[in-house]
N, C-alpha and C. Protein backbone atom coordinates (compact mmCIF):
# COMPACT_ATOMS: atom_id res chain seq x y z
N UNK A 1 78.60 68.26 19.26
CA UNK A 1 77.68 67.23 19.87
C UNK A 1 77.01 67.66 21.16
N UNK A 2 77.87 68.17 21.95
CA UNK A 2 77.35 68.40 23.29
C UNK A 2 76.46 69.64 23.29
N UNK A 3 76.67 70.54 22.24
CA UNK A 3 75.78 71.58 22.12
C UNK A 3 74.33 71.39 21.77
N UNK A 4 74.14 70.13 21.08
CA UNK A 4 72.79 69.80 20.53
C UNK A 4 71.99 69.21 21.65
N UNK A 5 72.30 68.77 22.69
CA UNK A 5 71.62 67.78 23.61
C UNK A 5 70.91 68.92 24.46
N UNK A 6 69.79 68.47 25.14
CA UNK A 6 68.93 69.12 25.92
C UNK A 6 69.10 68.53 27.35
N UNK A 7 70.15 68.89 27.97
CA UNK A 7 70.47 68.30 29.43
C UNK A 7 69.60 69.07 30.40
N UNK A 8 68.99 68.36 31.27
CA UNK A 8 68.11 68.88 32.27
C UNK A 8 66.68 69.36 31.97
N UNK A 9 66.36 69.27 30.61
CA UNK A 9 65.02 69.69 30.28
C UNK A 9 64.11 68.52 30.48
N UNK A 10 62.84 68.75 30.86
CA UNK A 10 61.77 67.89 30.92
C UNK A 10 60.90 67.81 29.91
N UNK A 11 61.02 67.33 28.77
CA UNK A 11 60.41 67.34 27.65
C UNK A 11 59.00 66.87 27.56
N UNK A 12 58.73 65.95 28.57
CA UNK A 12 57.41 65.18 28.81
C UNK A 12 56.66 66.13 29.55
N UNK A 13 57.04 66.96 30.52
CA UNK A 13 56.25 67.76 31.37
C UNK A 13 55.97 69.10 30.81
N UNK A 14 56.70 69.69 30.08
CA UNK A 14 56.57 71.01 29.64
C UNK A 14 56.71 71.06 28.29
N UNK A 15 55.94 72.20 27.61
CA UNK A 15 55.95 72.41 26.25
C UNK A 15 57.18 73.23 25.89
N UNK A 16 57.85 73.22 24.80
CA UNK A 16 59.12 73.95 24.52
C UNK A 16 58.77 75.08 23.67
N UNK A 17 57.22 75.24 23.46
CA UNK A 17 56.75 76.44 22.56
C UNK A 17 56.73 77.59 23.53
N UNK A 18 56.81 78.76 22.86
CA UNK A 18 56.83 79.92 23.52
C UNK A 18 55.49 80.64 23.22
N UNK A 19 55.20 81.58 24.05
CA UNK A 19 54.01 82.48 23.86
C UNK A 19 54.37 83.65 23.16
N UNK A 20 55.47 83.55 22.54
CA UNK A 20 55.71 84.92 21.39
C UNK A 20 54.83 84.86 20.34
N UNK A 21 54.40 85.82 19.79
CA UNK A 21 53.53 86.02 18.66
C UNK A 21 52.22 85.41 18.83
N UNK A 22 51.65 85.15 20.08
CA UNK A 22 50.33 84.69 20.34
C UNK A 22 49.49 85.68 20.69
N UNK A 23 48.45 86.04 20.15
CA UNK A 23 47.34 86.89 20.68
C UNK A 23 46.21 86.26 21.30
N UNK A 24 46.16 86.64 22.71
CA UNK A 24 44.89 85.99 23.45
C UNK A 24 43.64 86.61 22.92
N UNK A 25 42.56 85.92 23.07
CA UNK A 25 41.44 86.34 22.48
C UNK A 25 40.86 87.55 23.51
N UNK A 26 39.97 88.30 23.03
CA UNK A 26 39.52 89.37 23.93
C UNK A 26 38.46 88.91 24.79
N UNK A 27 38.63 89.41 25.85
CA UNK A 27 37.86 88.95 26.98
C UNK A 27 36.76 90.00 27.52
N UNK A 28 35.64 89.38 28.22
CA UNK A 28 34.78 90.31 28.73
C UNK A 28 34.43 89.59 30.33
N UNK A 29 34.26 90.52 31.17
CA UNK A 29 33.84 90.08 32.46
C UNK A 29 32.34 89.91 32.67
N UNK A 30 31.85 88.65 33.01
CA UNK A 30 30.43 88.43 33.09
C UNK A 30 30.22 88.22 34.80
N UNK A 31 29.17 88.84 35.15
CA UNK A 31 28.77 88.88 36.66
C UNK A 31 27.56 88.20 36.79
N UNK A 32 27.45 87.04 37.91
CA UNK A 32 26.30 86.47 38.23
C UNK A 32 26.29 86.78 39.72
N UNK A 33 24.99 86.62 40.04
CA UNK A 33 24.63 86.77 41.43
C UNK A 33 23.64 85.68 41.77
N UNK A 34 23.95 85.04 43.07
CA UNK A 34 23.06 83.94 43.36
C UNK A 34 22.01 84.48 44.40
N UNK A 35 21.14 83.73 44.93
CA UNK A 35 20.07 84.14 45.74
C UNK A 35 20.47 84.60 47.18
N UNK A 36 21.72 84.17 47.70
CA UNK A 36 22.35 84.51 48.75
C UNK A 36 23.33 85.72 48.73
N UNK A 37 23.13 86.44 47.47
CA UNK A 37 23.79 87.76 47.27
C UNK A 37 25.45 87.42 47.01
N UNK A 38 25.92 86.26 46.77
CA UNK A 38 27.32 86.13 46.37
C UNK A 38 27.51 86.52 44.87
N UNK A 39 28.54 87.14 44.61
CA UNK A 39 28.81 87.86 43.40
C UNK A 39 29.91 87.13 42.76
N UNK A 40 29.63 86.64 41.43
CA UNK A 40 30.70 85.86 40.70
C UNK A 40 31.00 86.53 39.45
N UNK A 41 32.44 86.74 39.39
CA UNK A 41 32.86 87.43 38.21
C UNK A 41 33.83 86.59 37.34
N UNK A 42 33.32 86.37 36.04
CA UNK A 42 34.11 85.41 35.41
C UNK A 42 34.65 85.88 34.03
N UNK A 43 35.63 85.64 33.43
CA UNK A 43 36.07 86.08 32.11
C UNK A 43 35.64 85.10 31.15
N UNK A 44 34.93 85.72 30.12
CA UNK A 44 34.53 84.86 28.87
C UNK A 44 35.14 85.55 27.69
N UNK A 45 35.36 84.68 26.70
CA UNK A 45 35.73 85.26 25.35
C UNK A 45 34.55 85.99 24.76
N UNK A 46 34.80 87.03 23.97
CA UNK A 46 33.72 87.80 23.45
C UNK A 46 33.07 87.14 22.48
N UNK A 47 33.76 85.92 22.02
CA UNK A 47 32.98 85.01 20.86
C UNK A 47 32.21 84.05 21.54
N UNK A 48 32.46 83.78 23.04
CA UNK A 48 31.71 82.77 23.56
C UNK A 48 30.25 83.04 23.83
N UNK A 49 29.42 81.98 23.96
CA UNK A 49 27.94 82.06 24.24
C UNK A 49 27.90 82.15 25.84
N UNK A 50 27.32 83.13 26.37
CA UNK A 50 27.35 83.40 27.92
C UNK A 50 26.06 82.47 28.34
N UNK A 51 26.36 81.56 29.29
CA UNK A 51 25.21 80.91 29.95
C UNK A 51 24.40 81.84 30.67
N UNK A 52 22.96 81.72 30.97
CA UNK A 52 22.32 82.48 31.54
C UNK A 52 22.34 82.15 33.02
N UNK A 53 22.91 81.07 33.54
CA UNK A 53 23.09 80.61 34.96
C UNK A 53 24.56 79.97 35.19
N UNK A 54 24.82 80.08 36.42
CA UNK A 54 26.09 79.55 36.85
C UNK A 54 26.08 79.00 38.18
N UNK A 55 26.57 77.97 38.61
CA UNK A 55 26.42 77.34 39.86
C UNK A 55 27.50 78.06 40.75
N UNK A 56 26.87 78.52 41.85
CA UNK A 56 27.72 79.43 42.90
C UNK A 56 28.36 78.35 43.78
N UNK A 57 29.33 79.00 44.52
CA UNK A 57 30.26 78.09 45.51
C UNK A 57 29.17 77.57 46.59
N UNK A 58 28.18 78.15 46.85
CA UNK A 58 27.38 77.80 47.94
C UNK A 58 26.39 76.74 47.49
N UNK A 59 26.39 76.47 46.19
CA UNK A 59 25.51 75.24 45.70
C UNK A 59 24.13 75.79 44.90
N UNK A 60 23.98 77.12 45.28
CA UNK A 60 22.78 77.75 44.55
C UNK A 60 23.03 78.08 43.15
N UNK A 61 21.86 78.45 42.39
CA UNK A 61 22.04 78.78 41.02
C UNK A 61 22.18 80.23 40.77
N UNK A 62 23.35 80.70 40.49
CA UNK A 62 23.45 82.22 40.25
C UNK A 62 22.91 82.58 38.89
N UNK A 63 22.22 83.87 38.81
CA UNK A 63 21.67 84.23 37.64
C UNK A 63 22.46 85.29 37.15
N UNK A 64 22.49 85.36 35.74
CA UNK A 64 23.33 86.53 34.94
C UNK A 64 22.71 87.90 35.61
N UNK A 65 23.61 88.70 35.81
CA UNK A 65 23.33 90.19 36.38
C UNK A 65 22.88 90.88 35.01
N UNK A 66 21.61 91.51 35.20
CA UNK A 66 21.13 92.36 34.25
C UNK A 66 20.73 91.59 33.03
N UNK A 67 20.61 90.19 33.19
CA UNK A 67 20.21 89.39 31.94
C UNK A 67 18.76 88.91 31.97
N UNK A 68 18.44 88.40 31.08
CA UNK A 68 16.88 87.81 30.84
C UNK A 68 16.90 86.53 31.71
N UNK A 69 15.74 86.30 32.43
CA UNK A 69 15.81 84.78 33.06
C UNK A 69 15.61 83.86 32.06
N UNK A 70 16.30 82.71 32.57
CA UNK A 70 16.41 81.53 31.56
C UNK A 70 15.19 80.87 31.48
N UNK A 71 14.89 80.36 30.26
CA UNK A 71 13.69 79.49 29.93
C UNK A 71 13.84 78.25 30.90
N UNK A 72 12.95 77.96 31.48
CA UNK A 72 12.50 76.89 32.37
C UNK A 72 11.88 75.74 31.77
N UNK A 73 12.37 74.63 31.60
CA UNK A 73 11.62 73.51 31.04
C UNK A 73 10.57 72.86 32.11
N UNK A 74 9.56 72.51 31.52
CA UNK A 74 8.50 71.99 32.45
C UNK A 74 9.13 70.67 33.22
N UNK A 75 8.79 70.56 34.52
CA UNK A 75 9.51 69.62 35.21
C UNK A 75 8.19 68.56 35.27
N UNK A 76 8.64 67.22 34.95
CA UNK A 76 7.53 66.23 35.20
C UNK A 76 7.66 65.66 36.64
N UNK A 77 6.52 65.48 37.16
CA UNK A 77 6.40 65.00 38.44
C UNK A 77 6.97 63.43 38.53
N UNK A 78 7.66 63.35 39.66
CA UNK A 78 8.53 62.17 39.81
C UNK A 78 7.39 60.76 39.89
N UNK A 79 7.61 59.78 39.09
CA UNK A 79 6.96 58.57 39.26
C UNK A 79 7.37 57.87 40.39
N UNK A 80 6.54 57.55 41.28
CA UNK A 80 6.76 56.53 42.35
C UNK A 80 6.56 55.09 42.05
N UNK A 81 7.11 54.28 43.03
CA UNK A 81 6.79 52.78 42.85
C UNK A 81 5.26 52.59 42.70
N UNK A 82 4.62 53.30 43.53
CA UNK A 82 3.26 53.09 43.66
C UNK A 82 2.42 53.57 42.40
N UNK A 83 2.78 54.63 41.91
CA UNK A 83 2.17 54.98 40.42
C UNK A 83 2.48 53.83 39.41
N UNK A 84 3.69 53.43 39.30
CA UNK A 84 4.01 52.38 38.39
C UNK A 84 3.24 51.15 38.65
N UNK A 85 3.03 50.68 39.96
CA UNK A 85 2.23 49.64 40.21
C UNK A 85 0.82 49.75 39.80
N UNK A 86 0.25 50.90 39.91
CA UNK A 86 -1.13 51.13 39.60
C UNK A 86 -1.23 51.17 38.06
N UNK A 87 -0.26 51.51 37.54
CA UNK A 87 -0.32 51.27 35.84
C UNK A 87 -0.46 49.69 35.37
N UNK A 88 0.01 48.99 36.31
CA UNK A 88 -0.05 47.48 35.89
C UNK A 88 -1.36 46.85 36.54
N UNK A 89 -1.71 47.06 37.77
CA UNK A 89 -2.89 46.48 38.62
C UNK A 89 -3.78 47.52 39.04
N UNK A 90 -5.07 46.94 39.28
CA UNK A 90 -6.05 47.73 39.72
C UNK A 90 -6.11 47.62 41.33
N UNK A 91 -6.80 48.34 41.99
CA UNK A 91 -6.81 48.20 43.42
C UNK A 91 -7.39 46.83 43.79
N UNK A 92 -8.71 46.42 43.39
CA UNK A 92 -9.14 44.96 43.71
C UNK A 92 -8.19 43.94 43.37
N UNK A 93 -7.37 43.93 42.33
CA UNK A 93 -6.39 42.92 42.04
C UNK A 93 -5.29 42.92 43.13
N UNK A 94 -4.82 44.33 43.48
CA UNK A 94 -3.89 44.18 44.60
C UNK A 94 -4.32 43.64 45.85
N UNK A 95 -5.59 43.96 46.28
CA UNK A 95 -6.06 43.49 47.44
C UNK A 95 -6.24 41.92 47.42
N UNK A 96 -6.58 41.38 46.27
CA UNK A 96 -6.55 39.88 46.16
C UNK A 96 -5.34 39.38 46.38
N UNK A 97 -4.20 40.08 45.68
CA UNK A 97 -2.84 39.39 45.70
C UNK A 97 -2.27 39.40 47.29
N UNK A 98 -2.70 40.50 47.89
CA UNK A 98 -2.41 40.68 49.39
C UNK A 98 -2.92 39.57 50.14
N UNK A 99 -4.18 39.33 50.02
CA UNK A 99 -4.74 38.47 50.67
C UNK A 99 -4.17 37.07 50.60
N UNK A 100 -3.91 36.75 49.17
CA UNK A 100 -3.16 35.41 48.95
C UNK A 100 -1.82 35.31 49.73
N UNK A 101 -1.03 36.47 49.70
CA UNK A 101 0.13 36.44 50.26
C UNK A 101 0.17 36.24 51.76
N UNK A 102 -0.87 36.97 52.30
CA UNK A 102 -0.98 36.82 53.85
C UNK A 102 -1.56 35.40 54.12
N UNK A 103 -2.25 34.80 53.34
CA UNK A 103 -2.87 33.47 53.66
C UNK A 103 -1.51 32.42 53.62
N UNK A 104 -0.60 32.65 52.73
CA UNK A 104 0.63 31.90 52.66
C UNK A 104 1.50 32.02 53.82
N UNK A 105 1.77 33.16 54.31
CA UNK A 105 2.49 33.56 55.35
C UNK A 105 1.94 33.12 56.66
N UNK A 106 0.54 33.06 56.86
CA UNK A 106 -0.15 32.58 57.93
C UNK A 106 -0.01 30.94 58.00
N UNK A 107 0.03 30.50 56.76
CA UNK A 107 -0.08 28.93 56.78
C UNK A 107 1.44 28.51 57.13
N UNK A 108 2.36 29.27 56.72
CA UNK A 108 3.77 28.97 57.09
C UNK A 108 4.08 28.86 58.49
N UNK A 109 3.34 30.08 59.25
CA UNK A 109 3.56 30.12 60.70
C UNK A 109 2.61 29.17 61.50
N UNK A 110 1.72 28.56 60.79
CA UNK A 110 0.85 27.66 61.49
C UNK A 110 -0.35 28.20 61.94
N UNK A 111 -0.82 29.37 61.55
CA UNK A 111 -1.79 30.29 62.17
C UNK A 111 -3.23 29.88 61.47
N UNK A 112 -4.33 30.22 61.94
CA UNK A 112 -5.68 29.66 61.37
C UNK A 112 -5.73 30.60 60.12
N UNK A 113 -6.60 30.34 59.13
CA UNK A 113 -6.89 31.03 58.01
C UNK A 113 -7.80 32.29 58.64
N UNK A 114 -7.75 33.35 58.00
CA UNK A 114 -8.48 34.64 58.39
C UNK A 114 -9.99 34.45 58.08
N UNK A 115 -10.81 35.11 58.70
CA UNK A 115 -12.10 35.11 58.50
C UNK A 115 -12.64 35.75 57.17
N UNK A 116 -11.72 36.68 56.59
CA UNK A 116 -12.11 37.08 55.24
C UNK A 116 -12.11 36.19 54.18
N UNK A 117 -11.13 35.30 54.07
CA UNK A 117 -10.91 34.36 53.09
C UNK A 117 -11.81 33.23 53.09
N UNK A 118 -12.46 32.96 54.16
CA UNK A 118 -13.46 31.75 54.51
C UNK A 118 -14.80 31.97 53.88
């Protein structure tokens, strides 16, 4: 009975399988170069699809050495708050709303009404 127990083994942390009769997949070394001339060499499986770009350790985008340039998607310009506001209101409407709010603020302060609104 003592020969069947696994004393001192950590079955939770480590696999009891061996790497015997396991054939690793064939590898190829792929080289990327970033704009700051950092060279990155990565092993990929021969069966893997090689990405055209890789993020360099400096944060720049490294391109595949001797590879074709990646297809760039057209970038939409960022919509600002002002752009979205102009989709809902015209300039004369905005000026009218501004004048109404300024009158309310002036009234709350006890100021006289502006000459424009009279």
